[in-house]
Amino acid sequence: MSRRPGKLQCVDLPPLTGRIRGTTSFGFHVVGESYFQAELRHIRNNMSVAYENNLEAFIVTEPNNPHDKNACAVYIDSFKVGYLPRDAAKDYVTQMRGNGVFGESCFQIRAKLIGGLGERPNIGVLLNLPTGG
């Protein structure tokens, strides 16, 4: 699917597979957000960052992604806002398969937005996804 610059792309997510109970901190960085700044600005502009920056996000596996069969997209408000880093996505998909989840899946998790002002003009996304370390 090609992106049209400036055109917001809201999608219907697949059915919810489950919820991830993350950590108390938001230390997991999403990648590729620079491609989704219009969506992230739309989300941020429709919230009070001071009071509402504890967002519902979804990790959706993309087993048919032509670039990476382990690709895991991150969505907020039905807008794609980035991806799990390649190595983390591979680990995530491996863990899901180990728990009997194959093909496309959709897991709910919490997220926060960062940046978008001053020296950090791009908006980024942090998840409370548990890490192995």
C-alpha atoms as a PDB file:
ATOM      1  CA  MET A   1       0.000   0.000   0.000  1.00  0.00           C
ATOM      2  CA  SER A   2       1.513   3.346  -0.983  1.00  0.00           C
ATOM      3  CA  ARG A   3       1.166   6.388   1.219  1.00  0.00           C
ATOM      4  CA  ARG A   4      -0.038   9.722  -0.016  1.00  0.00           C
ATOM      5  CA  PRO A   5       1.813  12.594   1.685  1.00  0.00           C
ATOM      6  CA  GLY A   6      -0.416  14.513   4.087  1.00  0.00           C
ATOM      7  CA  LYS A   7      -3.250  11.984   3.800  1.00  0.00           C
ATOM      8  CA  LEU A   8      -4.193  10.393   7.110  1.00  0.00           C
ATOM      9  CA  GLN A   9      -4.723   6.642   6.820  1.00  0.00           C
ATOM     10  CA  CYS A  10      -7.082   5.291   9.461  1.00  0.00           C
ATOM     11  CA  VAL A  11      -7.730   1.534   9.211  1.00  0.00           C
ATOM     12  CA  ASP A  12      -9.929  -1.132  10.741  1.00  0.00           C
ATOM     13  CA  LEU A  13      -7.785  -3.291  12.997  1.00  0.00           C
ATOM     14  CA  PRO A  14      -8.085  -7.075  13.074  1.00  0.00           C
ATOM     15  CA  PRO A  15      -9.984  -8.621  15.997  1.00  0.00           C
ATOM     16  CA  LEU A  16      -8.243  -8.311  19.347  1.00  0.00           C
ATOM     17  CA  THR A  17      -6.132 -11.385  20.124  1.00  0.00           C
ATOM     18  CA  GLY A  18      -5.224 -10.327  23.651  1.00  0.00           C
ATOM     19  CA  ARG A  19      -3.765  -7.707  25.967  1.00  0.00           C
ATOM     20  CA  ILE A  20      -0.146  -7.284  26.992  1.00  0.00           C
ATOM     21  CA  ARG A  21       0.376  -6.360  30.603  1.00  0.00           C
ATOM     22  CA  GLY A  22       3.426  -4.180  30.290  1.00  0.00           C
ATOM     23  CA  THR A  23       5.848  -2.728  32.753  1.00  0.00           C
ATOM     24  CA  THR A  24       5.308   0.392  34.839  1.00  0.00           C
ATOM     25  CA  SER A  25       7.744   2.321  32.633  1.00  0.00           C
ATOM     26  CA  PHE A  26       7.494   3.300  28.993  1.00  0.00           C
ATOM     27  CA  GLY A  27      11.000   2.463  27.788  1.00  0.00           C
ATOM     28  CA  PHE A  28      10.404   0.557  24.563  1.00  0.00           C
ATOM     29  CA  HIS A  29      10.990   2.734  21.481  1.00  0.00           C
ATOM     30  CA  VAL A  30       8.953   2.276  18.317  1.00  0.00           C
ATOM     31  CA  VAL A  31      10.763   2.861  14.995  1.00  0.00           C
ATOM     32  CA  GLY A  32       9.697   4.434  11.708  1.00  0.00           C
ATOM     33  CA  GLU A  33       7.634   7.206  13.272  1.00  0.00           C
ATOM     34  CA  SER A  34       9.108   9.745  10.857  1.00  0.00           C
ATOM     35  CA  TYR A  35       6.890   8.230   8.143  1.00  0.00           C
ATOM     36  CA  PHE A  36       3.771   8.739  10.261  1.00  0.00           C
ATOM     37  CA  GLN A  37       4.167  12.289  11.588  1.00  0.00           C
ATOM     38  CA  ALA A  38       0.825  13.446  10.116  1.00  0.00           C
ATOM     39  CA  GLU A  39      -0.970  10.669  12.014  1.00  0.00           C
ATOM     40  CA  LEU A  40       0.976  11.334  15.223  1.00  0.00           C
ATOM     41  CA  ARG A  41       0.289  15.076  15.055  1.00  0.00           C
ATOM     42  CA  HIS A  42      -3.407  14.354  14.516  1.00  0.00           C
ATOM     43  CA  ILE A  43      -3.445  12.102  17.591  1.00  0.00           C
ATOM     44  CA  ARG A  44      -1.480  14.574  19.724  1.00  0.00           C
ATOM     45  CA  ASN A  45      -3.577  17.539  18.619  1.00  0.00           C
ATOM     46  CA  ASN A  46      -6.728  15.741  19.745  1.00  0.00           C
ATOM     47  CA  MET A  47      -5.543  15.054  23.286  1.00  0.00           C
ATOM     48  CA  SER A  48      -4.242  16.871  26.322  1.00  0.00           C
ATOM     49  CA  VAL A  49      -0.660  15.604  26.572  1.00  0.00           C
ATOM     50  CA  ALA A  50      -0.466  16.690  30.210  1.00  0.00           C
ATOM     51  CA  TYR A  51      -3.459  14.571  31.219  1.00  0.00           C
ATOM     52  CA  GLU A  52      -4.096  12.003  28.487  1.00  0.00           C
ATOM     53  CA  ASN A  53      -0.641  10.727  27.506  1.00  0.00           C
ATOM     54  CA  ASN A  54      -1.396   7.150  28.535  1.00  0.00           C
ATOM     55  CA  LEU A  55      -2.749   5.831  25.254  1.00  0.00           C
ATOM     56  CA  GLU A  56      -4.219   2.551  24.090  1.00  0.00           C
ATOM     57  CA  ALA A  57      -2.029   1.129  21.339  1.00  0.00           C
ATOM     58  CA  PHE A  58      -2.110  -2.095  19.344  1.00  0.00           C
ATOM     59  CA  ILE A  59       0.683  -4.281  18.002  1.00  0.00           C
ATOM     60  CA  VAL A  60      -0.483  -5.925  14.780  1.00  0.00           C
ATOM     61  CA  THR A  61       1.650  -8.596  13.151  1.00  0.00           C
ATOM     62  CA  GLU A  62       2.058  -8.378   9.382  1.00  0.00           C
ATOM     63  CA  PRO A  63       2.965 -11.910   8.230  1.00  0.00           C
ATOM     64  CA  ASN A  64       2.409 -10.886   4.590  1.00  0.00           C
ATOM     65  CA  ASN A  65       4.687  -7.835   4.767  1.00  0.00           C
ATOM     66  CA  PRO A  66       6.934  -8.078   1.656  1.00  0.00           C
ATOM     67  CA  HIS A  67       9.942  -6.613   3.519  1.00  0.00           C
ATOM     68  CA  ASP A  68       9.806  -8.650   6.732  1.00  0.00           C
ATOM     69  CA  LYS A  69       7.546 -11.632   7.531  1.00  0.00           C
ATOM     70  CA  ASN A  70       7.972 -10.789  11.244  1.00  0.00           C
ATOM     71  CA  ALA A  71       6.957  -7.126  10.872  1.00  0.00           C
ATOM     72  CA  CYS A  72       4.837  -5.789  13.731  1.00  0.00           C
ATOM     73  CA  ALA A  73       3.063  -2.479  13.161  1.00  0.00           C
ATOM     74  CA  VAL A  74       1.989  -0.213  16.019  1.00  0.00           C
ATOM     75  CA  TYR A  75      -1.379   1.551  15.868  1.00  0.00           C
ATOM     76  CA  ILE A  76      -2.946   4.270  17.999  1.00  0.00           C
ATOM     77  CA  ASP A  77      -6.542   5.394  17.326  1.00  0.00           C
ATOM     78  CA  SER A  78      -6.560   3.101  14.249  1.00  0.00           C
ATOM     79  CA  PHE A  79      -3.625   5.024  12.728  1.00  0.00           C
ATOM     80  CA  LYS A  80      -0.364   3.240  11.988  1.00  0.00           C
ATOM     81  CA  VAL A  81       2.344   5.139  13.869  1.00  0.00           C
ATOM     82  CA  GLY A  82       5.426   2.920  13.475  1.00  0.00           C
ATOM     83  CA  TYR A  83       6.850  -0.559  13.923  1.00  0.00           C
ATOM     84  CA  LEU A  84       8.629  -2.674  16.471  1.00  0.00           C
ATOM     85  CA  PRO A  85      12.367  -2.744  15.635  1.00  0.00           C
ATOM     86  CA  ARG A  86      13.253  -5.714  13.386  1.00  0.00           C
ATOM     87  CA  ASP A  87      15.012  -7.800  16.082  1.00  0.00           C
ATOM     88  CA  ALA A  88      12.304  -7.102  18.653  1.00  0.00           C
ATOM     89  CA  ALA A  89       9.597  -8.001  16.118  1.00  0.00           C
ATOM     90  CA  LYS A  90      11.287 -11.334  15.426  1.00  0.00           C
ATOM     91  CA  ASP A  91      11.463 -12.080  19.168  1.00  0.00           C
ATOM     92  CA  TYR A  92       7.842 -10.977  19.620  1.00  0.00           C
ATOM     93  CA  VAL A  93       6.549 -13.197  16.796  1.00  0.00           C
ATOM     94  CA  THR A  94       8.616 -16.133  18.103  1.00  0.00           C
ATOM     95  CA  GLN A  95       7.088 -15.671  21.572  1.00  0.00           C
ATOM     96  CA  MET A  96       3.579 -15.452  20.110  1.00  0.00           C
ATOM     97  CA  ARG A  97       4.129 -18.666  18.129  1.00  0.00           C
ATOM     98  CA  GLY A  98       5.430 -20.333  21.308  1.00  0.00           C
ATOM     99  CA  ASN A  99       2.089 -19.444  22.887  1.00  0.00           C
ATOM    100  CA  GLY A 100       0.081 -20.862  19.971  1.00  0.00           C
ATOM    101  CA  VAL A 101      -0.608 -17.564  18.155  1.00  0.00           C
ATOM    102  CA  PHE A 102       0.091 -17.792  14.408  1.00  0.00           C
ATOM    103  CA  GLY A 103      -0.614 -15.503  11.464  1.00  0.00           C
ATOM    104  CA  GLU A 104      -2.032 -12.028  11.942  1.00  0.00           C
ATOM    105  CA  SER A 105      -2.625 -11.029  15.546  1.00  0.00           C
ATOM    106  CA  CYS A 106      -3.601  -7.859  17.380  1.00  0.00           C
ATOM    107  CA  PHE A 107      -2.522  -7.208  20.962  1.00  0.00           C
ATOM    108  CA  GLN A 108      -3.445  -4.187  23.058  1.00  0.00           C
ATOM    109  CA  ILE A 109      -0.727  -2.358  25.010  1.00  0.00           C
ATOM    110  CA  ARG A 110      -0.175   1.092  26.518  1.00  0.00           C
ATOM    111  CA  ALA A 111       1.807   3.853  24.799  1.00  0.00           C
ATOM    112  CA  LYS A 112       2.987   7.418  25.303  1.00  0.00           C
ATOM    113  CA  LEU A 113       3.960  10.105  22.821  1.00  0.00           C
ATOM    114  CA  ILE A 114       7.248  11.961  23.172  1.00  0.00           C
ATOM    115  CA  GLY A 115       8.844  14.921  21.417  1.00  0.00           C
ATOM    116  CA  GLY A 116       7.161  17.082  18.838  1.00  0.00           C
ATOM    117  CA  LEU A 117       8.499  20.338  20.243  1.00  0.00           C
ATOM    118  CA  GLY A 118      11.718  22.352  20.367  1.00  0.00           C
ATOM    119  CA  GLU A 119      14.843  20.301  19.731  1.00  0.00           C
ATOM    120  CA  ARG A 120      12.752  17.150  19.063  1.00  0.00           C
ATOM    121  CA  PRO A 121      10.374  18.267  16.294  1.00  0.00           C
ATOM    122  CA  ASN A 122       9.341  14.712  15.388  1.00  0.00           C
ATOM    123  CA  ILE A 123       6.861  12.899  17.607  1.00  0.00           C
ATOM    124  CA  GLY A 124       7.953   9.499  18.856  1.00  0.00           C
ATOM    125  CA  VAL A 125       6.155   6.590  20.490  1.00  0.00           C
ATOM    126  CA  LEU A 126       7.108   4.653  23.610  1.00  0.00           C
ATOM    127  CA  LEU A 127       5.463   1.396  24.649  1.00  0.00           C
ATOM    128  CA  ASN A 128       5.400  -0.278  28.031  1.00  0.00           C
ATOM    129  CA  LEU A 129       6.339  -3.556  26.338  1.00  0.00           C
ATOM    130  CA  PRO A 130       8.351  -5.821  28.638  1.00  0.00           C
ATOM    131  CA  THR A 131      11.922  -6.446  27.502  1.00  0.00           C
ATOM    132  CA  GLY A 132      14.081  -9.468  28.138  1.00  0.00           C
ATOM    133  CA  GLY A 133      16.691  -7.525  30.071  1.00  0.00           C
END
